Protein backbone atom coordinates (compact mmCIF):
# COMPACT_ATOMS: atom_id res chain seq x y z
CA UNK A 1 0.89 -105.07 -17.66
CA UNK A 2 -0.79 -101.98 -16.13
CA UNK A 3 -2.57 -99.24 -18.34
CA UNK A 4 -2.31 -95.81 -16.47
CA UNK A 5 -5.16 -93.35 -17.67
CA UNK A 6 -5.44 -89.52 -16.96
CA UNK A 7 -7.93 -87.67 -17.61
CA UNK A 8 -7.68 -83.67 -18.07
CA UNK A 9 -11.10 -81.57 -17.67
CA UNK A 10 -11.70 -79.64 -20.79
CA UNK A 11 -11.93 -75.70 -21.25
CA UNK A 12 -14.89 -75.59 -23.70
CA UNK A 13 -14.48 -72.03 -26.28
CA UNK A 14 -17.41 -70.61 -24.60
CA UNK A 15 -15.57 -70.46 -21.19
CA UNK A 16 -12.27 -68.86 -22.74
CA UNK A 17 -14.11 -66.42 -24.39
CA UNK A 18 -15.90 -65.57 -21.56
CA UNK A 19 -12.83 -64.28 -19.32
CA UNK A 20 -11.39 -60.38 -19.73
CA UNK A 21 -8.05 -59.44 -18.85
CA UNK A 22 -8.06 -55.82 -17.39
CA UNK A 23 -5.30 -53.80 -18.24
CA UNK A 24 -5.77 -50.03 -16.29
CA UNK A 25 -4.11 -47.00 -16.76
CA UNK A 26 -4.67 -43.65 -14.82
CA UNK A 27 -3.04 -40.46 -16.17
CA UNK A 28 -3.26 -37.64 -13.44
CA UNK A 29 -2.65 -33.49 -14.02
CA UNK A 30 -3.15 -31.13 -11.01
CA UNK A 31 -3.23 -27.66 -11.18
CA UNK A 32 -0.19 -26.55 -9.84
CA UNK A 33 -0.50 -25.19 -5.64
CA UNK A 34 -1.54 -21.54 -5.25
CA UNK A 35 -1.86 -18.96 -3.14
CA UNK A 36 -3.03 -15.58 -2.47
CA UNK A 37 -1.75 -11.81 -1.66
CA UNK A 38 -4.19 -9.19 -0.12
CA UNK A 39 -3.22 -5.28 -0.01
CA UNK A 40 -4.54 -3.12 1.57
CA UNK A 41 -4.84 1.03 2.30
CA UNK A 42 -5.25 3.17 5.46
CA UNK A 43 -5.64 6.42 5.08
CA UNK A 44 -4.97 8.67 8.59
CA UNK A 45 -4.38 12.07 10.31
CA UNK A 46 -5.36 15.66 11.24
CA UNK A 47 -4.65 16.81 7.61
CA UNK A 48 -5.19 13.56 5.62
CA UNK A 49 -7.74 13.63 2.54
CA UNK A 50 -9.58 10.85 3.04
CA UNK A 51 -11.16 10.56 -0.25
CA UNK A 52 -7.92 10.34 -2.22
CA UNK A 53 -6.61 7.55 -4.37
CA UNK A 54 -2.99 6.39 -4.02
CA UNK A 55 -1.68 4.16 -6.71
CA UNK A 56 0.59 1.10 -6.67
CA UNK A 57 2.55 -1.35 -8.97
CA UNK A 58 2.26 -4.91 -8.81
CA UNK A 59 4.79 -7.22 -9.63
CA UNK A 60 6.11 -11.03 -9.93
CA UNK A 61 9.21 -12.63 -10.46
CA UNK A 62 10.07 -16.58 -10.42
CA UNK A 63 7.08 -17.62 -12.46
CA UNK A 64 7.67 -20.08 -15.71
CA UNK A 65 7.92 -17.96 -18.63
CA UNK A 66 5.14 -19.19 -20.22
CA UNK A 67 2.96 -17.78 -17.19
CA UNK A 68 4.43 -14.31 -17.03
CA UNK A 69 1.57 -12.87 -18.66
CA UNK A 70 -1.13 -14.63 -16.75
CA UNK A 71 -3.82 -12.84 -15.36
CA UNK A 72 -5.02 -12.98 -11.82
CA UNK A 73 -9.17 -12.37 -10.40
CA UNK A 74 -8.73 -10.09 -7.53
CA UNK A 75 -11.54 -9.67 -5.17
CA UNK A 76 -12.02 -6.08 -4.40
CA UNK A 77 -13.06 -5.01 -0.83
CA UNK A 78 -15.29 -1.66 -0.60
CA UNK A 79 -14.17 -1.78 -4.83
CA UNK A 80 -14.86 -3.62 -7.65
CA UNK A 81 -13.46 -6.77 -8.03
CA UNK A 82 -11.28 -7.51 -11.59
CA UNK A 83 -8.32 -8.74 -13.13
CA UNK A 84 -4.71 -7.90 -12.88
CA UNK A 85 -1.14 -9.08 -14.45
CA UNK A 86 2.19 -8.46 -13.30
CA UNK A 87 3.45 -4.97 -13.82
CA UNK A 88 -0.39 -3.26 -13.82
CA UNK A 89 -0.98 -0.99 -11.66
CA UNK A 90 -4.02 -0.22 -9.47
CA UNK A 91 -5.77 2.27 -6.86
CA UNK A 92 -6.79 1.92 -3.57
CA UNK A 93 -8.45 4.66 -1.04
CA UNK A 94 -8.95 4.36 2.98
CA UNK A 95 -10.26 1.38 3.96
CA UNK A 96 -9.98 -0.74 0.20
CA UNK A 97 -8.23 -3.89 -0.06
CA UNK A 98 -7.92 -6.36 -2.97
CA UNK A 99 -6.99 -9.67 -2.45
CA UNK A 100 -5.28 -11.81 -5.90
CA UNK A 101 -6.28 -14.82 -5.88
CA UNK A 102 -4.34 -17.95 -7.73
CA UNK A 103 -0.65 -16.93 -7.93
CA UNK A 104 1.69 -19.51 -8.09
CA UNK A 105 3.23 -21.17 -5.10
CA UNK A 106 6.80 -19.84 -4.50
CA UNK A 107 6.16 -16.34 -7.06
CA UNK A 108 8.03 -13.31 -5.60
CA UNK A 109 5.95 -10.34 -5.36
CA UNK A 110 6.32 -6.33 -4.60
CA UNK A 111 3.84 -4.18 -4.33
CA UNK A 112 5.37 -0.72 -5.17
CA UNK A 113 3.67 2.41 -3.37
CA UNK A 114 3.68 5.73 -5.56
CA UNK A 115 5.83 8.53 -3.50
CA UNK A 116 3.63 11.00 -2.03
CA UNK A 117 5.79 12.56 0.17
CA UNK A 118 5.66 15.85 -1.86
CA UNK A 119 2.09 16.22 -0.46
CA UNK A 120 3.07 15.81 3.13
CA UNK A 121 2.41 12.05 3.58
CA UNK A 122 4.17 9.42 5.63
CA UNK A 123 4.08 5.94 4.36
CA UNK A 124 4.14 3.07 6.32
CA UNK A 125 4.14 -0.65 4.97
CA UNK A 126 4.26 -3.86 6.20
CA UNK A 127 5.04 -6.97 3.95
CA UNK A 128 5.38 -5.50 0.16
CA UNK A 129 7.60 -7.98 -0.62
CA UNK A 130 7.70 -11.63 -0.15
CA UNK A 131 7.03 -15.09 -1.45
CA UNK A 132 3.69 -16.57 -2.10
CA UNK A 133 2.77 -20.02 0.27
CA UNK A 134 0.45 -22.61 -1.36
CA UNK A 135 -3.19 -22.32 0.57
CA UNK A 136 -1.97 -19.38 2.39
CA UNK A 137 -2.74 -15.37 2.25
CA UNK A 138 0.12 -13.17 2.08
CA UNK A 139 -0.73 -9.34 3.54
CA UNK A 140 1.24 -6.19 2.30
CA UNK A 141 -0.60 -3.20 4.36
CA UNK A 142 0.01 0.36 3.51
CA UNK A 143 -0.66 2.97 6.04
CA UNK A 144 -0.89 6.74 4.69
CA UNK A 145 -0.58 9.39 7.15
CA UNK A 146 -0.60 13.73 6.93
CA UNK A 147 -1.01 15.62 9.78
CA UNK A 148 -1.62 19.62 10.56
CA UNK A 149 2.69 20.98 11.18
CA UNK A 150 3.08 21.54 14.56
CA UNK A 151 3.05 25.07 15.65
CA UNK A 152 3.80 27.44 18.49
CA UNK A 153 3.93 31.08 18.55
CA UNK A 154 6.49 34.19 18.40
CA UNK A 155 6.39 37.21 20.57
CA UNK A 156 7.98 40.47 19.23
CA UNK A 157 8.18 43.55 21.61
CA UNK A 158 10.25 46.70 21.50
CA UNK A 159 11.75 48.38 24.38
CA UNK A 160 13.07 52.10 24.22
CA UNK A 161 15.69 52.89 26.73
CA UNK A 162 17.78 56.36 27.55
CA UNK A 163 17.33 60.19 28.03
CA UNK A 164 17.62 60.66 24.76
CA UNK A 165 15.44 58.15 23.49
CA UNK A 166 12.23 58.68 21.51
CA UNK A 167 9.87 56.90 22.75
CA UNK A 168 7.15 57.92 19.82
CA UNK A 169 9.51 56.55 17.11
CA UNK A 170 8.59 53.66 14.81
CA UNK A 171 11.08 50.24 14.68
CA UNK A 172 10.74 48.55 11.58
CA UNK A 173 11.12 44.48 12.03
CA UNK A 174 11.53 42.17 9.15
CA UNK A 175 9.91 38.77 10.00
CA UNK A 176 11.61 36.04 8.54
CA UNK A 177 9.51 33.08 9.68
CA UNK A 178 11.12 30.40 6.83
CA UNK A 179 8.29 28.89 5.63
CA UNK A 180 5.26 30.48 3.25
CA UNK A 181 1.81 31.31 4.62
CA UNK A 182 -0.24 34.16 6.15
CA UNK A 183 0.00 34.27 9.74
CA UNK A 184 -2.28 36.37 11.89
CA UNK A 185 -1.14 38.41 14.95
CA UNK A 186 -2.68 40.33 17.85
CA UNK A 187 -0.46 42.38 20.83
CA UNK A 188 -0.69 46.45 20.91
CA UNK A 189 -2.12 46.10 17.43
CA UNK A 190 -3.54 42.96 15.29
CA UNK A 191 -3.35 41.95 11.63
CA UNK A 192 -1.87 39.79 9.68
CA UNK A 193 1.46 39.06 8.02
CA UNK A 194 3.21 36.93 5.55
CA UNK A 195 6.78 35.43 5.62
CA UNK A 196 9.52 38.48 4.91
CA UNK A 197 6.70 41.71 5.84
CA UNK A 198 8.00 44.17 7.69
CA UNK A 199 5.78 44.75 11.16
CA UNK A 200 6.96 48.70 12.88
CA UNK A 201 6.87 48.92 16.75
CA UNK A 202 7.58 51.82 19.31
CA UNK A 203 8.44 51.81 22.88
CA UNK A 204 6.20 49.32 25.16
CA UNK A 205 4.38 47.81 21.95
CA UNK A 206 4.34 44.28 21.09
CA UNK A 207 3.14 41.77 18.77
CA UNK A 208 2.53 37.75 18.89
CA UNK A 209 1.88 36.06 15.86
């Protein structure tokens, strides 16, 4: 009869106490990706008022409802920095711009300028409507031009012919120029005339307006 004995190591309670199991949980929440929008203004032209301010409206669409009323910081160039939200208006003058930062990616923006055509300004813009791109700056430029109107001259002359012609008689002419204003004239006589007024000339006389 053979007896086989096996020996097993014995773990002490202190060994179990010193053993630690680790369970790690990591929760991550990042800010959503954002981009920026720069709006710039240039005023030019021979009749432009370089001190004039032009009004714009900033509109954002395509943002979550809970962010619809968010305010965004803008950084001013030649103008103070501040805060703005969708639907707000702001003003820019010549060589001024603002850069709105932190706008959500894929938000659709519109920059609408008030109409100044009645004051003689012609507006040209690029990038006024677009979609924000993450980590990028979209640019909207606005150029307003006002030039002095193109002008020319008008010569009015009088000639009398015929054996019975009265060469000393003055003939009246009504000058309709189609636009208001006061205009200088030179020639056989000098002075000023307004649209719709009358000028008198006799044989051999002329004026140039």
